[in-house]
């Protein structure tokens, strides 16, 4: 059985420990804060003694040697190892708030004094620069507005997608809660007819048949769906040839409850005949 490695990386305070615990629950042998220099020896050792599924967390605590990681992951893939890299991200405001709530010191801080917001923001921006290359080669999950349970579900769902095939992640969201940082493409559907203004539909969602029936009857909704399908059909083949593992397509409406949810469901159904697909409904999954 081929060795499977999941690399968890990302911003300090973005939820890496939560993701690692999810992988441990899924049967992966997990290690946190492994120095990149030890990766080759560690992988060989774990393959002999702990089975075929390993999860490793690396972050800015190993800043001086992080540049080695992309090349080492490429080498492992060339040897037939299945490697998935997941980068957890969040907005600066979210990260600052989390550090303030936990009163933890940022790993890049050089003193034990509680840092002010301005200094912390500068440190976070530096961290983002140091991790930029790793982020570029990873599937990004924005943890700014999701709960720990949602993050655990998202990470576990990545493990069941088809190996070696590009995966489309369709995500509905509410513009009023911010655009997902992990989106490769964002489609705004707030101009479409809104079931919120139909009293019988207001408390339902795009997963419910009455809402789906209402939206199917709207020519502009069908036209929007066709345009998004056409756009993706044109560009996904090129992304696949460029060896992309994941592409996140975010569809947003005002509340993330009706129109965006409906379109994510339809798009995923249509494109699943060609690509591996995952569906996320940011505002509904947390209920």
Protein backbone atom coordinates (compact mmCIF):
# COMPACT_ATOMS: atom_id res chain seq x y z
CA UNK A 1 0.00 0.00 0.00
CA UNK A 2 1.39 3.41 -1.00
CA UNK A 3 2.43 5.81 1.71
CA UNK A 4 0.05 8.74 2.29
CA UNK A 5 1.30 12.00 3.79
CA UNK A 6 -0.82 14.98 4.78
CA UNK A 7 1.10 18.18 5.52
CA UNK A 8 -0.74 20.66 7.72
CA UNK A 9 0.71 24.14 7.63
CA UNK A 10 -0.50 27.72 7.84
CA UNK A 11 -0.73 30.81 9.99
CA UNK A 12 -0.21 30.71 13.74
CA UNK A 13 -3.65 30.74 15.35
CA UNK A 14 -5.42 29.41 12.25
CA UNK A 15 -6.38 26.03 13.73
CA UNK A 16 -3.54 23.65 12.86
CA UNK A 17 -3.87 21.71 16.12
CA UNK A 18 -7.60 21.21 15.42
CA UNK A 19 -6.81 19.89 11.94
CA UNK A 20 -4.11 17.59 13.28
CA UNK A 21 -6.51 16.16 15.86
CA UNK A 22 -9.03 15.49 13.09
CA UNK A 23 -6.41 13.51 11.18
CA UNK A 24 -5.44 11.60 14.31
CA UNK A 25 -9.11 10.65 14.74
CA UNK A 26 -9.10 9.48 11.11
CA UNK A 27 -6.27 7.05 11.81
CA UNK A 28 -3.21 9.05 10.79
CA UNK A 29 0.00 8.92 12.79
CA UNK A 30 0.53 12.60 13.62
CA UNK A 31 3.50 14.71 14.61
CA UNK A 32 3.56 18.44 15.29
CA UNK A 33 6.33 20.93 14.50
CA UNK A 34 8.62 18.56 12.63
CA UNK A 35 11.80 20.37 11.46
CA UNK A 36 11.92 20.19 7.62
CA UNK A 37 15.48 18.82 7.78
CA UNK A 38 14.13 15.67 9.45
CA UNK A 39 11.33 15.04 6.95
CA UNK A 40 13.12 12.43 4.75
CA UNK A 41 14.35 10.36 7.69
CA UNK A 42 11.03 10.68 9.52
CA UNK A 43 8.99 9.53 6.52
CA UNK A 44 11.23 6.49 6.05
CA UNK A 45 11.03 5.61 9.74
CA UNK A 46 7.25 6.00 10.02
CA UNK A 47 6.67 3.98 6.86
CA UNK A 48 8.53 1.07 8.49
CA UNK A 49 7.04 1.28 11.96
CA UNK A 50 3.66 3.05 11.96
CA UNK A 51 1.93 2.09 8.74
CA UNK A 52 1.00 3.99 5.61
CA UNK A 53 -0.77 7.16 6.75
CA UNK A 54 1.19 10.02 8.29
CA UNK A 55 0.18 13.61 9.09
CA UNK A 56 2.81 16.26 9.76
CA UNK A 57 2.40 19.84 10.97
CA UNK A 58 5.01 22.39 9.95
CA UNK A 59 4.86 26.13 10.39
CA UNK A 60 6.84 29.30 10.93
CA UNK A 61 8.54 27.84 14.01
CA UNK A 62 10.90 26.28 11.44
CA UNK A 63 11.21 29.49 9.45
CA UNK A 64 14.90 29.12 8.57
CA UNK A 65 14.37 25.82 6.75
CA UNK A 66 10.82 26.09 5.37
CA UNK A 67 12.22 26.78 1.90
CA UNK A 68 13.25 23.11 1.73
CA UNK A 69 9.68 21.79 2.06
CA UNK A 70 8.25 22.29 -1.48
CA UNK A 71 11.27 20.59 -3.06
CA UNK A 72 11.13 17.71 -0.58
CA UNK A 73 7.40 17.20 -1.17
CA UNK A 74 8.03 17.15 -4.92
CA UNK A 75 10.70 14.49 -4.42
CA UNK A 76 8.34 12.36 -2.36
CA UNK A 77 5.65 12.58 -5.04
CA UNK A 78 8.16 11.50 -7.69
CA UNK A 79 8.80 8.40 -5.58
CA UNK A 80 5.13 7.47 -5.63
CA UNK A 81 4.16 8.90 -2.24
CA UNK A 82 0.67 10.42 -2.05
CA UNK A 83 1.16 13.93 -0.65
CA UNK A 84 -1.59 16.39 0.26
CA UNK A 85 -0.66 19.82 1.58
CA UNK A 86 -3.28 21.83 3.47
CA UNK A 87 -2.70 25.48 4.40
CA UNK A 88 -4.90 27.05 7.08
CA UNK A 89 -5.39 30.79 6.82
CA UNK A 90 -7.43 33.54 8.47
CA UNK A 91 -7.82 37.29 8.29
CA UNK A 92 -5.49 39.51 10.27
CA UNK A 93 -8.35 40.72 12.48
CA UNK A 94 -9.28 37.12 13.27
CA UNK A 95 -5.71 36.13 14.12
CA UNK A 96 -5.20 39.21 16.31
CA UNK A 97 -8.44 38.45 18.16
CA UNK A 98 -7.46 34.82 18.73
CA UNK A 99 -4.06 35.76 20.12
CA UNK A 100 -5.72 38.33 22.38
CA UNK A 101 -8.26 35.81 23.66
CA UNK A 102 -5.71 33.07 24.37
CA UNK A 103 -2.97 35.49 25.55
CA UNK A 104 -0.43 33.36 23.72
CA UNK A 105 2.81 34.80 22.37
CA UNK A 106 3.28 34.65 18.60
CA UNK A 107 6.13 32.27 17.62
CA UNK A 108 7.94 35.09 15.80
CA UNK A 109 7.81 37.44 18.78
CA UNK A 110 11.25 38.01 20.27
CA UNK A 111 10.19 38.88 23.80
CA UNK A 112 7.80 37.65 26.46
CA UNK A 113 5.98 40.94 26.80
CA UNK A 114 2.41 41.16 25.58
CA UNK A 115 2.63 42.75 22.15
CA UNK A 116 0.34 45.57 21.06
CA UNK A 117 -1.95 45.28 18.06
CA UNK A 118 0.38 47.20 15.72
CA UNK A 119 3.38 45.02 16.54
CA UNK A 120 1.30 41.84 16.28
CA UNK A 121 -0.06 42.85 12.87
CA UNK A 122 3.49 43.42 11.63
CA UNK A 123 4.53 40.00 12.89
CA UNK A 124 1.55 38.33 11.21
CA UNK A 125 2.35 40.06 7.91
CA UNK A 126 5.95 38.82 8.17
CA UNK A 127 4.70 35.31 8.86
CA UNK A 128 2.47 35.46 5.77
CA UNK A 129 5.50 36.42 3.66
CA UNK A 130 7.57 33.54 5.05
CA UNK A 131 4.80 31.03 4.32
CA UNK A 132 3.85 32.39 0.88
CA UNK A 133 5.54 29.62 -1.12
CA UNK A 134 3.99 26.86 0.98
CA UNK A 135 0.57 28.49 0.58
CA UNK A 136 1.02 28.58 -3.18
CA UNK A 137 1.51 24.81 -3.29
CA UNK A 138 -1.30 23.88 -0.88
CA UNK A 139 -5.05 23.62 -0.67
CA UNK A 140 -6.10 26.65 1.39
CA UNK A 141 -8.85 26.59 4.01
CA UNK A 142 -10.00 29.93 5.43
CA UNK A 143 -10.82 29.37 9.10
CA UNK A 144 -11.85 32.98 9.84
CA UNK A 145 -15.57 32.33 10.20
CA UNK A 146 -15.87 28.58 10.75
CA UNK A 147 -16.07 26.56 13.93
CA UNK A 148 -13.61 23.90 15.01
CA UNK A 149 -16.12 21.17 14.15
CA UNK A 150 -16.48 22.57 10.62
CA UNK A 151 -12.72 22.65 10.17
CA UNK A 152 -12.46 19.03 11.29
CA UNK A 153 -15.13 18.02 8.77
CA UNK A 154 -13.46 19.97 5.95
CA UNK A 155 -10.08 18.37 6.61
CA UNK A 156 -11.54 14.86 6.78
CA UNK A 157 -13.50 15.40 3.55
CA UNK A 158 -10.27 16.13 1.68
CA UNK A 159 -8.99 12.66 2.51
CA UNK A 160 -11.74 10.83 0.63
CA UNK A 161 -11.36 12.59 -2.72
CA UNK A 162 -9.91 10.76 -5.70
CA UNK A 163 -6.13 10.57 -5.53
CA UNK A 164 -4.29 12.02 -8.50
CA UNK A 165 -7.36 13.87 -9.81
CA UNK A 166 -8.01 17.58 -9.48
CA UNK A 167 -10.78 18.26 -7.00
CA UNK A 168 -13.29 21.10 -7.22
CA UNK A 169 -14.41 22.54 -3.89
CA UNK A 170 -17.69 24.45 -4.27
CA UNK A 171 -18.50 26.77 -1.38
CA UNK A 172 -21.53 28.94 -0.74
CA UNK A 173 -21.13 31.97 1.51
CA UNK A 174 -22.71 35.22 2.68
CA UNK A 175 -21.13 38.45 1.50
CA UNK A 176 -22.23 40.08 4.75
CA UNK A 177 -19.76 37.78 6.57
CA UNK A 178 -16.89 38.34 4.17
CA UNK A 179 -15.42 36.70 1.08
CA UNK A 180 -13.60 33.40 1.78
CA UNK A 181 -9.82 33.85 1.64
CA UNK A 182 -9.40 30.36 0.20
CA UNK A 183 -11.43 31.01 -2.96
CA UNK A 184 -9.74 30.70 -6.35
CA UNK A 185 -12.85 32.05 -8.08
CA UNK A 186 -15.67 34.12 -6.57
CA UNK A 187 -19.06 34.54 -8.22
CA UNK A 188 -21.48 37.17 -6.93
CA UNK A 189 -25.15 36.12 -7.38
CA UNK A 190 -26.79 38.83 -5.26
CA UNK A 191 -28.50 40.29 -8.33
CA UNK A 192 -30.63 37.17 -8.78
CA UNK A 193 -34.25 36.89 -7.50
CA UNK A 194 -34.14 36.32 -3.76
CA UNK A 195 -36.37 33.67 -2.09
CA UNK A 196 -35.92 35.60 1.17
CA UNK A 197 -38.70 37.91 0.06
CA UNK A 198 -41.13 35.00 -0.38
CA UNK A 199 -42.68 34.44 3.09
CA UNK A 200 -43.13 30.71 2.55
CA UNK A 201 -39.45 30.31 1.56
CA UNK A 202 -37.73 32.71 3.95
CA UNK A 203 -36.87 30.14 6.63
CA UNK A 204 -35.88 27.41 4.15
CA UNK A 205 -32.55 27.00 2.37
CA UNK A 206 -31.29 26.23 -1.11
CA UNK A 207 -31.21 22.57 -0.07
CA UNK A 208 -35.01 22.50 0.21
CA UNK A 209 -37.11 21.58 -2.82
CA UNK A 210 -39.54 24.56 -2.59
CA UNK A 211 -36.59 26.97 -2.83
CA UNK A 212 -35.00 24.93 -5.62
CA UNK A 213 -38.30 24.93 -7.52
CA UNK A 214 -38.62 28.70 -7.16
CA UNK A 215 -35.09 29.31 -8.43
CA UNK A 216 -35.44 26.85 -11.32
CA UNK A 217 -38.30 28.98 -12.62
CA UNK A 218 -36.12 32.10 -12.79
CA UNK A 219 -34.46 32.57 -16.24
CA UNK A 220 -31.64 34.67 -14.77
CA UNK A 221 -30.72 31.92 -12.33
CA UNK A 222 -30.45 29.38 -15.14
CA UNK A 223 -28.42 31.87 -17.19
CA UNK A 224 -26.02 32.50 -14.30
CA UNK A 225 -25.53 28.78 -13.80
CA UNK A 226 -24.83 28.29 -17.51
CA UNK A 227 -22.30 31.15 -17.56
CA UNK A 228 -20.41 29.78 -14.54
CA UNK A 229 -20.40 26.28 -16.07
CA UNK A 230 -19.07 27.68 -19.34
CA UNK A 231 -16.32 29.62 -17.58
CA UNK A 232 -15.20 26.64 -15.52
CA UNK A 233 -15.35 24.22 -18.46
CA UNK A 234 -12.96 26.48 -20.37
CA UNK A 235 -10.36 27.01 -17.63
CA UNK A 236 -10.39 23.87 -15.49
CA UNK A 237 -8.67 21.76 -18.13
CA UNK A 238 -5.80 24.24 -18.20
CA UNK A 239 -5.57 24.26 -14.40
CA UNK A 240 -5.49 20.47 -14.42
CA UNK A 241 -2.64 20.46 -16.94
CA UNK A 242 -0.84 22.86 -14.57
CA UNK A 243 -1.00 20.10 -11.90
CA UNK A 244 -3.44 21.84 -9.56
CA UNK A 245 -4.76 19.48 -6.90
CA UNK A 246 -7.68 21.61 -5.69
CA UNK A 247 -9.67 24.53 -7.07
CA UNK A 248 -12.10 26.35 -4.77
CA UNK A 249 -15.11 28.00 -6.41
CA UNK A 250 -17.03 30.29 -4.06
CA UNK A 251 -20.58 31.44 -4.83
CA UNK A 252 -21.93 34.23 -2.66
CA UNK A 253 -25.28 35.85 -2.01
CA UNK A 254 -26.43 38.20 0.74
CA UNK A 255 -27.15 35.65 3.47
CA UNK A 256 -25.54 32.48 2.11
CA UNK A 257 -28.81 30.62 2.60
CA UNK A 258 -30.78 30.39 -0.66
CA UNK A 259 -29.29 31.40 -4.02
CA UNK A 260 -25.64 30.56 -3.41
CA UNK A 261 -26.53 27.24 -1.78
CA UNK A 262 -28.78 26.26 -4.68
CA UNK A 263 -26.15 27.11 -7.30
CA UNK A 264 -23.37 25.28 -5.45
CA UNK A 265 -25.54 22.17 -5.39
CA UNK A 266 -26.34 22.42 -9.12
CA UNK A 267 -22.79 23.19 -10.19
CA UNK A 268 -21.34 20.34 -8.16
CA UNK A 269 -23.89 17.91 -9.61
CA UNK A 270 -23.13 18.92 -13.19
CA UNK A 271 -19.34 19.01 -12.90
CA UNK A 272 -19.03 15.84 -10.82
CA UNK A 273 -19.27 13.84 -14.05
CA UNK A 274 -15.82 15.16 -15.01
CA UNK A 275 -14.11 16.13 -11.75
CA UNK A 276 -14.00 15.00 -8.15
CA UNK A 277 -16.16 17.50 -6.23
CA UNK A 278 -16.71 18.61 -2.65
CA UNK A 279 -19.52 20.87 -1.41
CA UNK A 280 -19.39 23.30 1.52
CA UNK A 281 -22.07 25.66 2.73
CA UNK A 282 -20.23 27.98 5.08
CA UNK A 283 -23.26 29.58 6.70
CA UNK A 284 -25.28 26.35 6.94
CA UNK A 285 -22.54 23.93 8.01
CA UNK A 286 -22.07 25.82 11.27
CA UNK A 287 -25.68 25.59 12.34
